[in-house]
Amino acid sequence: MDSVMRAVAVYLFLLAIFRLAGKRSLANITTFDLVLTLIISESIQQSLTGKDSSMTNALLLITTFVGLDIILSLLKHRSRGVDRLLDGVPLVLIRAGEMLQERLNKERVDKQEILTAARLQRGTTRLEDIDYAVLEPGGQISVIAKEGAAQ
């Protein structure tokens, strides 16, 4: 039972940390992010297994993590509030062509990232051609071009 409680605590802690880190952290994984993830996983390994490094304990931990994931996905499916808490909501970064700088700063998104998304999605390379840019809960940026914008 001790392993299950440790697994639940670690799972919830990591969920909170990654949620606080922001949407962009999860959408664009860099080499640095991968190294950080590996270091985190190694750091928590001892706290999960404690003195019991048996196969049974490892299987119990895996079962606990998968069970927690299933429970949270069911809760998200049944409750919009839980879904919003865990995954967040879309956030408008550009509205009617105007950059919302406070939101860009809060989410650590720069102009170049929006222009890259605009180029990939709409074939536009100018900020003036963007009507709306939205940071989706998964970290992607969706771009809606102005009517008649060059493509």
N, C-alpha and C. Protein backbone atom coordinates (compact mmCIF):
# COMPACT_ATOMS: atom_id res chain seq x y z
N MET A 1 0.83 -1.20 0.00
CA MET A 1 0.00 0.00 0.00
C MET A 1 0.87 1.27 0.00
N ASP A 2 2.04 1.15 0.62
CA ASP A 2 2.96 2.28 0.67
C ASP A 2 3.38 2.70 -0.75
N SER A 3 3.65 1.71 -1.61
CA SER A 3 4.05 2.01 -2.99
C SER A 3 2.93 2.71 -3.75
N VAL A 4 1.71 2.29 -3.51
CA VAL A 4 0.56 2.92 -4.19
C VAL A 4 0.44 4.38 -3.77
N MET A 5 0.57 4.65 -2.48
CA MET A 5 0.46 6.03 -1.99
C MET A 5 1.59 6.90 -2.55
N ARG A 6 2.80 6.35 -2.62
CA ARG A 6 3.91 7.10 -3.21
C ARG A 6 3.65 7.37 -4.68
N ALA A 7 3.14 6.37 -5.39
CA ALA A 7 2.85 6.53 -6.82
C ALA A 7 1.79 7.61 -7.04
N VAL A 8 0.75 7.60 -6.24
CA VAL A 8 -0.30 8.61 -6.36
C VAL A 8 0.28 10.00 -6.09
N ALA A 9 1.08 10.12 -5.04
CA ALA A 9 1.68 11.42 -4.70
C ALA A 9 2.58 11.93 -5.82
N VAL A 10 3.43 11.07 -6.35
CA VAL A 10 4.34 11.47 -7.43
C VAL A 10 3.56 11.84 -8.68
N TYR A 11 2.55 11.05 -9.03
CA TYR A 11 1.74 11.30 -10.22
C TYR A 11 1.07 12.67 -10.12
N LEU A 12 0.42 12.93 -9.01
CA LEU A 12 -0.27 14.21 -8.84
C LEU A 12 0.71 15.39 -8.81
N PHE A 13 1.87 15.19 -8.17
CA PHE A 13 2.88 16.25 -8.14
C PHE A 13 3.37 16.57 -9.55
N LEU A 14 3.71 15.54 -10.32
CA LEU A 14 4.20 15.77 -11.68
C LEU A 14 3.12 16.39 -12.56
N LEU A 15 1.89 15.96 -12.39
CA LEU A 15 0.77 16.54 -13.14
C LEU A 15 0.67 18.03 -12.84
N ALA A 16 0.76 18.40 -11.58
CA ALA A 16 0.68 19.81 -11.19
C ALA A 16 1.87 20.61 -11.73
N ILE A 17 3.07 20.04 -11.63
CA ILE A 17 4.26 20.74 -12.11
C ILE A 17 4.18 21.00 -13.61
N PHE A 18 3.82 19.98 -14.38
CA PHE A 18 3.75 20.16 -15.83
C PHE A 18 2.59 21.07 -16.22
N ARG A 19 1.52 21.07 -15.45
CA ARG A 19 0.40 21.98 -15.72
C ARG A 19 0.84 23.43 -15.46
N LEU A 20 1.58 23.64 -14.38
CA LEU A 20 2.07 24.98 -14.05
C LEU A 20 3.13 25.46 -15.04
N ALA A 21 3.86 24.52 -15.63
CA ALA A 21 4.92 24.89 -16.57
C ALA A 21 4.35 25.54 -17.82
N GLY A 22 3.10 25.31 -18.11
CA GLY A 22 2.45 25.96 -19.24
C GLY A 22 2.28 25.06 -20.45
N LYS A 23 1.41 25.50 -21.33
CA LYS A 23 1.06 24.73 -22.52
C LYS A 23 2.22 24.59 -23.47
N ARG A 24 2.98 25.63 -23.65
CA ARG A 24 4.07 25.59 -24.64
C ARG A 24 5.15 24.61 -24.24
N SER A 25 5.31 24.38 -22.95
CA SER A 25 6.33 23.44 -22.50
C SER A 25 6.09 22.04 -23.03
N LEU A 26 4.83 21.68 -23.16
CA LEU A 26 4.51 20.32 -23.59
C LEU A 26 4.38 20.20 -25.10
N ALA A 27 4.13 21.28 -25.78
CA ALA A 27 3.91 21.20 -27.22
C ALA A 27 5.20 21.10 -28.01
N ASN A 28 6.20 21.83 -27.60
CA ASN A 28 7.47 21.87 -28.33
C ASN A 28 8.59 21.31 -27.48
N ILE A 29 8.71 20.01 -27.48
CA ILE A 29 9.75 19.36 -26.69
C ILE A 29 11.09 19.54 -27.39
N THR A 30 12.03 20.12 -26.69
CA THR A 30 13.37 20.34 -27.21
C THR A 30 14.31 19.31 -26.60
N THR A 31 15.54 19.31 -27.03
CA THR A 31 16.55 18.43 -26.46
C THR A 31 16.68 18.69 -24.96
N PHE A 32 16.67 19.96 -24.59
CA PHE A 32 16.75 20.34 -23.18
C PHE A 32 15.58 19.73 -22.40
N ASP A 33 14.37 19.80 -22.96
CA ASP A 33 13.19 19.25 -22.29
C ASP A 33 13.30 17.74 -22.12
N LEU A 34 13.83 17.06 -23.13
CA LEU A 34 14.00 15.62 -23.04
C LEU A 34 15.00 15.26 -21.94
N VAL A 35 16.12 15.96 -21.90
CA VAL A 35 17.11 15.72 -20.86
C VAL A 35 16.50 15.97 -19.48
N LEU A 36 15.76 17.06 -19.35
CA LEU A 36 15.11 17.39 -18.08
C LEU A 36 14.14 16.27 -17.68
N THR A 37 13.38 15.77 -18.62
CA THR A 37 12.43 14.68 -18.34
C THR A 37 13.16 13.43 -17.87
N LEU A 38 14.26 13.11 -18.51
CA LEU A 38 15.03 11.94 -18.10
C LEU A 38 15.60 12.12 -16.68
N ILE A 39 16.06 13.32 -16.38
CA ILE A 39 16.61 13.59 -15.05
C ILE A 39 15.50 13.50 -14.00
N ILE A 40 14.33 14.03 -14.33
CA ILE A 40 13.20 13.96 -13.41
C ILE A 40 12.84 12.50 -13.15
N SER A 41 12.77 11.70 -14.21
CA SER A 41 12.39 10.30 -14.03
C SER A 41 13.40 9.56 -13.16
N GLU A 42 14.66 9.84 -13.35
CA GLU A 42 15.69 9.20 -12.52
C GLU A 42 15.60 9.69 -11.08
N SER A 43 15.28 10.96 -10.90
CA SER A 43 15.20 11.54 -9.56
C SER A 43 14.06 10.93 -8.74
N ILE A 44 12.96 10.63 -9.38
CA ILE A 44 11.80 10.12 -8.63
C ILE A 44 11.81 8.60 -8.49
N GLN A 45 12.67 7.94 -9.23
CA GLN A 45 12.70 6.47 -9.20
C GLN A 45 12.87 5.95 -7.78
N GLN A 46 13.83 6.47 -7.04
CA GLN A 46 14.07 6.00 -5.67
C GLN A 46 12.87 6.25 -4.77
N SER A 47 12.23 7.42 -4.95
CA SER A 47 11.09 7.73 -4.09
C SER A 47 9.92 6.80 -4.37
N LEU A 48 9.81 6.30 -5.59
CA LEU A 48 8.72 5.40 -5.91
C LEU A 48 8.96 3.99 -5.36
N THR A 49 10.14 3.49 -5.54
CA THR A 49 10.41 2.10 -5.15
C THR A 49 10.81 1.95 -3.69
N GLY A 50 11.34 3.02 -3.11
CA GLY A 50 11.81 2.91 -1.73
C GLY A 50 12.86 1.82 -1.63
N LYS A 51 12.70 0.93 -0.68
CA LYS A 51 13.66 -0.16 -0.52
C LYS A 51 13.24 -1.40 -1.30
N ASP A 52 12.05 -1.36 -1.89
CA ASP A 52 11.52 -2.53 -2.59
C ASP A 52 11.71 -2.36 -4.10
N SER A 53 12.73 -2.99 -4.63
CA SER A 53 12.97 -2.91 -6.08
C SER A 53 12.56 -4.21 -6.78
N SER A 54 11.59 -4.90 -6.20
CA SER A 54 11.14 -6.17 -6.78
C SER A 54 10.28 -5.94 -8.03
N MET A 55 10.15 -6.99 -8.81
CA MET A 55 9.30 -6.94 -10.00
C MET A 55 7.84 -6.72 -9.60
N THR A 56 7.43 -7.29 -8.51
CA THR A 56 6.05 -7.13 -8.04
C THR A 56 5.76 -5.66 -7.74
N ASN A 57 6.69 -5.01 -7.07
CA ASN A 57 6.51 -3.58 -6.76
C ASN A 57 6.48 -2.75 -8.04
N ALA A 58 7.34 -3.05 -9.01
CA ALA A 58 7.35 -2.32 -10.28
C ALA A 58 6.01 -2.49 -10.99
N LEU A 59 5.48 -3.71 -11.02
CA LEU A 59 4.19 -3.95 -11.67
C LEU A 59 3.05 -3.24 -10.93
N LEU A 60 3.15 -3.20 -9.61
CA LEU A 60 2.15 -2.47 -8.82
C LEU A 60 2.18 -0.98 -9.14
N LEU A 61 3.38 -0.42 -9.27
CA LEU A 61 3.52 1.00 -9.60
C LEU A 61 2.95 1.30 -10.99
N ILE A 62 3.28 0.46 -11.95
CA ILE A 62 2.75 0.65 -13.31
C ILE A 62 1.24 0.58 -13.30
N THR A 63 0.68 -0.40 -12.60
CA THR A 63 -0.78 -0.54 -12.51
C THR A 63 -1.40 0.70 -11.86
N THR A 64 -0.75 1.23 -10.85
CA THR A 64 -1.25 2.43 -10.17
C THR A 64 -1.25 3.62 -11.12
N PHE A 65 -0.16 3.81 -11.86
CA PHE A 65 -0.09 4.94 -12.80
C PHE A 65 -1.14 4.82 -13.90
N VAL A 66 -1.29 3.65 -14.47
CA VAL A 66 -2.29 3.46 -15.53
C VAL A 66 -3.69 3.65 -14.96
N GLY A 67 -3.92 3.14 -13.76
CA GLY A 67 -5.22 3.32 -13.11
C GLY A 67 -5.54 4.78 -12.87
N LEU A 68 -4.55 5.53 -12.37
CA LEU A 68 -4.76 6.97 -12.17
C LEU A 68 -5.07 7.68 -13.47
N ASP A 69 -4.35 7.30 -14.52
CA ASP A 69 -4.59 7.91 -15.83
C ASP A 69 -6.01 7.64 -16.31
N ILE A 70 -6.47 6.42 -16.14
CA ILE A 70 -7.84 6.07 -16.55
C ILE A 70 -8.86 6.83 -15.72
N ILE A 71 -8.66 6.88 -14.42
CA ILE A 71 -9.59 7.59 -13.54
C ILE A 71 -9.66 9.08 -13.92
N LEU A 72 -8.50 9.70 -14.13
CA LEU A 72 -8.51 11.13 -14.50
C LEU A 72 -9.15 11.35 -15.87
N SER A 73 -8.94 10.45 -16.82
CA SER A 73 -9.57 10.63 -18.12
C SER A 73 -11.09 10.49 -18.01
N LEU A 74 -11.56 9.59 -17.16
CA LEU A 74 -13.01 9.46 -16.94
C LEU A 74 -13.57 10.71 -16.26
N LEU A 75 -12.84 11.23 -15.27
CA LEU A 75 -13.28 12.46 -14.60
C LEU A 75 -13.32 13.63 -15.58
N LYS A 76 -12.31 13.74 -16.45
CA LYS A 76 -12.29 14.81 -17.44
C LYS A 76 -13.46 14.68 -18.41
N HIS A 77 -13.79 13.46 -18.76
CA HIS A 77 -14.90 13.22 -19.69
C HIS A 77 -16.24 13.60 -19.07
N ARG A 78 -16.36 13.41 -17.76
CA ARG A 78 -17.63 13.65 -17.08
C ARG A 78 -17.77 15.07 -16.53
N SER A 79 -16.65 15.75 -16.34
CA SER A 79 -16.70 17.07 -15.73
C SER A 79 -15.89 18.08 -16.53
N ARG A 80 -16.57 19.08 -17.02
CA ARG A 80 -15.87 20.12 -17.78
C ARG A 80 -14.88 20.88 -16.89
N GLY A 81 -15.23 21.06 -15.63
CA GLY A 81 -14.35 21.75 -14.70
C GLY A 81 -13.03 21.00 -14.48
N VAL A 82 -13.12 19.68 -14.34
CA VAL A 82 -11.91 18.88 -14.18
C VAL A 82 -11.08 18.94 -15.46
N ASP A 83 -11.76 18.86 -16.60
CA ASP A 83 -11.06 18.94 -17.89
C ASP A 83 -10.32 20.27 -18.02
N ARG A 84 -10.98 21.35 -17.67
CA ARG A 84 -10.35 22.67 -17.75
C ARG A 84 -9.18 22.78 -16.77
N LEU A 85 -9.34 22.21 -15.59
CA LEU A 85 -8.28 22.26 -14.58
C LEU A 85 -7.04 21.49 -15.06
N LEU A 86 -7.25 20.30 -15.61
CA LEU A 86 -6.13 19.46 -16.00
C LEU A 86 -5.51 19.84 -17.34
N ASP A 87 -6.35 20.18 -18.32
CA ASP A 87 -5.84 20.44 -19.67
C ASP A 87 -5.82 21.91 -20.05
N GLY A 88 -6.55 22.74 -19.34
CA GLY A 88 -6.60 24.15 -19.68
C GLY A 88 -7.64 24.45 -20.75
N VAL A 89 -7.65 25.68 -21.20
CA VAL A 89 -8.60 26.13 -22.21
C VAL A 89 -7.83 26.88 -23.30
N PRO A 90 -8.41 26.99 -24.49
CA PRO A 90 -7.75 27.79 -25.53
C PRO A 90 -7.59 29.24 -25.06
N LEU A 91 -6.49 29.86 -25.49
CA LEU A 91 -6.21 31.23 -25.09
C LEU A 91 -5.91 32.06 -26.33
N VAL A 92 -6.69 33.11 -26.54
CA VAL A 92 -6.49 33.98 -27.70
C VAL A 92 -5.24 34.82 -27.47
N LEU A 93 -4.32 34.77 -28.45
CA LEU A 93 -3.07 35.54 -28.37
C LEU A 93 -3.10 36.77 -29.26
N ILE A 94 -3.81 36.65 -30.39
CA ILE A 94 -4.04 37.79 -31.29
C ILE A 94 -5.53 37.85 -31.55
N ARG A 95 -6.12 39.01 -31.31
CA ARG A 95 -7.56 39.21 -31.52
C ARG A 95 -7.73 40.36 -32.48
N ALA A 96 -8.43 40.09 -33.59
CA ALA A 96 -8.70 41.09 -34.62
C ALA A 96 -7.41 41.79 -35.05
N GLY A 97 -6.35 40.99 -35.20
CA GLY A 97 -5.07 41.52 -35.66
C GLY A 97 -4.21 42.17 -34.60
N GLU A 98 -4.72 42.29 -33.37
CA GLU A 98 -3.97 42.96 -32.30
C GLU A 98 -3.32 41.92 -31.38
N MET A 99 -2.00 42.03 -31.21
CA MET A 99 -1.29 41.12 -30.31
C MET A 99 -1.63 41.45 -28.86
N LEU A 100 -1.99 40.44 -28.10
CA LEU A 100 -2.30 40.61 -26.69
C LEU A 100 -1.04 40.28 -25.89
N GLN A 101 -0.19 41.28 -25.75
CA GLN A 101 1.16 41.11 -25.23
C GLN A 101 1.21 40.48 -23.84
N GLU A 102 0.28 40.85 -22.98
CA GLU A 102 0.27 40.30 -21.63
C GLU A 102 0.10 38.78 -21.66
N ARG A 103 -0.78 38.30 -22.54
CA ARG A 103 -1.00 36.86 -22.68
C ARG A 103 0.22 36.18 -23.31
N LEU A 104 0.80 36.84 -24.30
CA LEU A 104 2.00 36.28 -24.94
C LEU A 104 3.12 36.12 -23.90
N ASN A 105 3.31 37.12 -23.07
CA ASN A 105 4.35 37.07 -22.04
C ASN A 105 4.05 35.97 -21.01
N LYS A 106 2.80 35.89 -20.60
CA LYS A 106 2.41 34.90 -19.58
C LYS A 106 2.66 33.48 -20.08
N GLU A 107 2.38 33.22 -21.34
CA GLU A 107 2.54 31.88 -21.90
C GLU A 107 3.91 31.65 -22.54
N ARG A 108 4.75 32.68 -22.51
CA ARG A 108 6.11 32.60 -23.07
C ARG A 108 6.07 32.25 -24.57
N VAL A 109 5.20 32.93 -25.29
CA VAL A 109 5.09 32.77 -26.74
C VAL A 109 5.59 34.06 -27.37
N ASP A 110 6.42 33.94 -28.40
CA ASP A 110 6.90 35.15 -29.05
C ASP A 110 6.30 35.27 -30.46
N LYS A 111 6.50 36.43 -31.02
CA LYS A 111 5.97 36.76 -32.35
C LYS A 111 6.42 35.75 -33.40
N GLN A 112 7.66 35.31 -33.32
CA GLN A 112 8.20 34.37 -34.30
C GLN A 112 7.46 33.04 -34.28
N GLU A 113 7.08 32.58 -33.10
CA GLU A 113 6.33 31.32 -33.00
C GLU A 113 4.97 31.44 -33.68
N ILE A 114 4.34 32.60 -33.53
CA ILE A 114 3.04 32.81 -34.18
C ILE A 114 3.23 32.88 -35.69
N LEU A 115 4.27 33.57 -36.14
CA LEU A 115 4.52 33.65 -37.58
C LEU A 115 4.86 32.28 -38.17
N THR A 116 5.56 31.46 -37.42
CA THR A 116 5.86 30.10 -37.90
C THR A 116 4.56 29.32 -38.06
N ALA A 117 3.69 29.39 -37.08
CA ALA A 117 2.40 28.70 -37.17
C ALA A 117 1.58 29.24 -38.34
N ALA A 118 1.62 30.55 -38.54
CA ALA A 118 0.88 31.16 -39.66
C ALA A 118 1.42 30.69 -41.00
N ARG A 119 2.72 30.60 -41.11
CA ARG A 119 3.34 30.15 -42.35
C ARG A 119 2.99 28.69 -42.64
N LEU A 120 3.05 27.86 -41.61
CA LEU A 120 2.77 26.44 -41.79
C LEU A 120 1.30 26.16 -42.07
N GLN A 121 0.41 26.89 -41.40
CA GLN A 121 -1.02 26.62 -41.53
C GLN A 121 -1.68 27.39 -42.66
N ARG A 122 -1.28 28.63 -42.84
CA ARG A 122 -1.99 29.51 -43.78
C ARG A 122 -1.12 30.02 -44.92
N GLY A 123 0.16 29.76 -44.87
CA GLY A 123 1.05 30.22 -45.93
C GLY A 123 1.31 31.71 -45.89
N THR A 124 1.00 32.33 -44.78
CA THR A 124 1.22 33.77 -44.66
C THR A 124 2.46 34.04 -43.81
N THR A 125 3.16 35.11 -44.14
CA THR A 125 4.40 35.42 -43.43
C THR A 125 4.35 36.78 -42.74
N ARG A 126 3.17 37.42 -42.78
CA ARG A 126 3.04 38.76 -42.20
C ARG A 126 2.05 38.76 -41.05
N LEU A 127 2.43 39.41 -39.97
CA LEU A 127 1.56 39.53 -38.81
C LEU A 127 0.26 40.26 -39.16
N GLU A 128 0.35 41.19 -40.10
CA GLU A 128 -0.82 41.97 -40.50
C GLU A 128 -1.91 41.11 -41.14
N ASP A 129 -1.53 39.91 -41.62
CA ASP A 129 -2.50 39.02 -42.28
C ASP A 129 -3.21 38.10 -41.30
N ILE A 130 -2.87 38.19 -40.02
CA ILE A 130 -3.46 37.30 -39.02
C ILE A 130 -4.61 38.01 -38.32
N ASP A 131 -5.79 37.38 -38.35
CA ASP A 131 -6.95 37.92 -37.65
C ASP A 131 -6.95 37.43 -36.20
N TYR A 132 -6.78 36.11 -36.03
CA TYR A 132 -6.74 35.51 -34.70
C TYR A 132 -5.63 34.48 -34.63
N ALA A 133 -5.00 34.39 -33.47
CA ALA A 133 -4.07 33.31 -33.15
C ALA A 133 -4.48 32.81 -31.77
N VAL A 134 -4.62 31.48 -31.67
CA VAL A 134 -5.11 30.88 -30.44
C VAL A 134 -4.12 29.81 -29.97
N LEU A 135 -3.73 29.89 -28.71
CA LEU A 135 -2.92 28.85 -28.10
C LEU A 135 -3.86 27.78 -27.57
N GLU A 136 -3.81 26.61 -28.18
CA GLU A 136 -4.71 25.52 -27.84
C GLU A 136 -4.25 24.83 -26.56
N PRO A 137 -5.14 24.10 -25.89
CA PRO A 137 -4.77 23.43 -24.64
C PRO A 137 -3.57 22.49 -24.78
N GLY A 138 -3.37 21.90 -25.95
CA GLY A 138 -2.24 21.01 -26.16
C GLY A 138 -0.95 21.73 -26.46
N GLY A 139 -0.99 23.06 -26.59
CA GLY A 139 0.22 23.83 -26.81
C GLY A 139 0.42 24.30 -28.25
N GLN A 140 -0.38 23.81 -29.19
CA GLN A 140 -0.26 24.25 -30.58
C GLN A 140 -0.88 25.64 -30.74
N ILE A 141 -0.43 26.34 -31.75
CA ILE A 141 -1.01 27.65 -32.06
C ILE A 141 -1.82 27.51 -33.32
N SER A 142 -3.11 27.88 -33.24
CA SER A 142 -4.00 27.88 -34.39
C SER A 142 -4.08 29.32 -34.91
N VAL A 143 -4.03 29.46 -36.22
CA VAL A 143 -4.04 30.79 -36.84
C VAL A 143 -5.22 30.90 -37.79
N ILE A 144 -5.93 32.02 -37.67
CA ILE A 144 -7.00 32.35 -38.59
C ILE A 144 -6.59 33.61 -39.32
N ALA A 145 -6.44 33.48 -40.64
CA ALA A 145 -5.99 34.62 -41.45
C ALA A 145 -7.15 35.58 -41.68
N LYS A 146 -6.81 36.84 -41.90
CA LYS A 146 -7.82 37.83 -42.25
C LYS A 146 -8.38 37.50 -43.63
N GLU A 147 -9.62 37.87 -43.84
CA GLU A 147 -10.22 37.66 -45.17
C GLU A 147 -9.43 38.43 -46.21
N GLY A 148 -9.14 37.78 -47.31
CA GLY A 148 -8.42 38.40 -48.39
C GLY A 148 -6.92 38.50 -48.17
N ALA A 149 -6.41 37.89 -47.11
CA ALA A 149 -4.96 37.93 -46.84
C ALA A 149 -4.24 37.10 -47.90
N ALA A 150 -3.08 37.58 -48.30
CA ALA A 150 -2.29 36.89 -49.30
C ALA A 150 -1.83 35.54 -48.78
N GLN A 151 -1.95 34.52 -49.65
CA GLN A 151 -1.54 33.17 -49.24
C GLN A 151 -0.61 32.56 -50.22
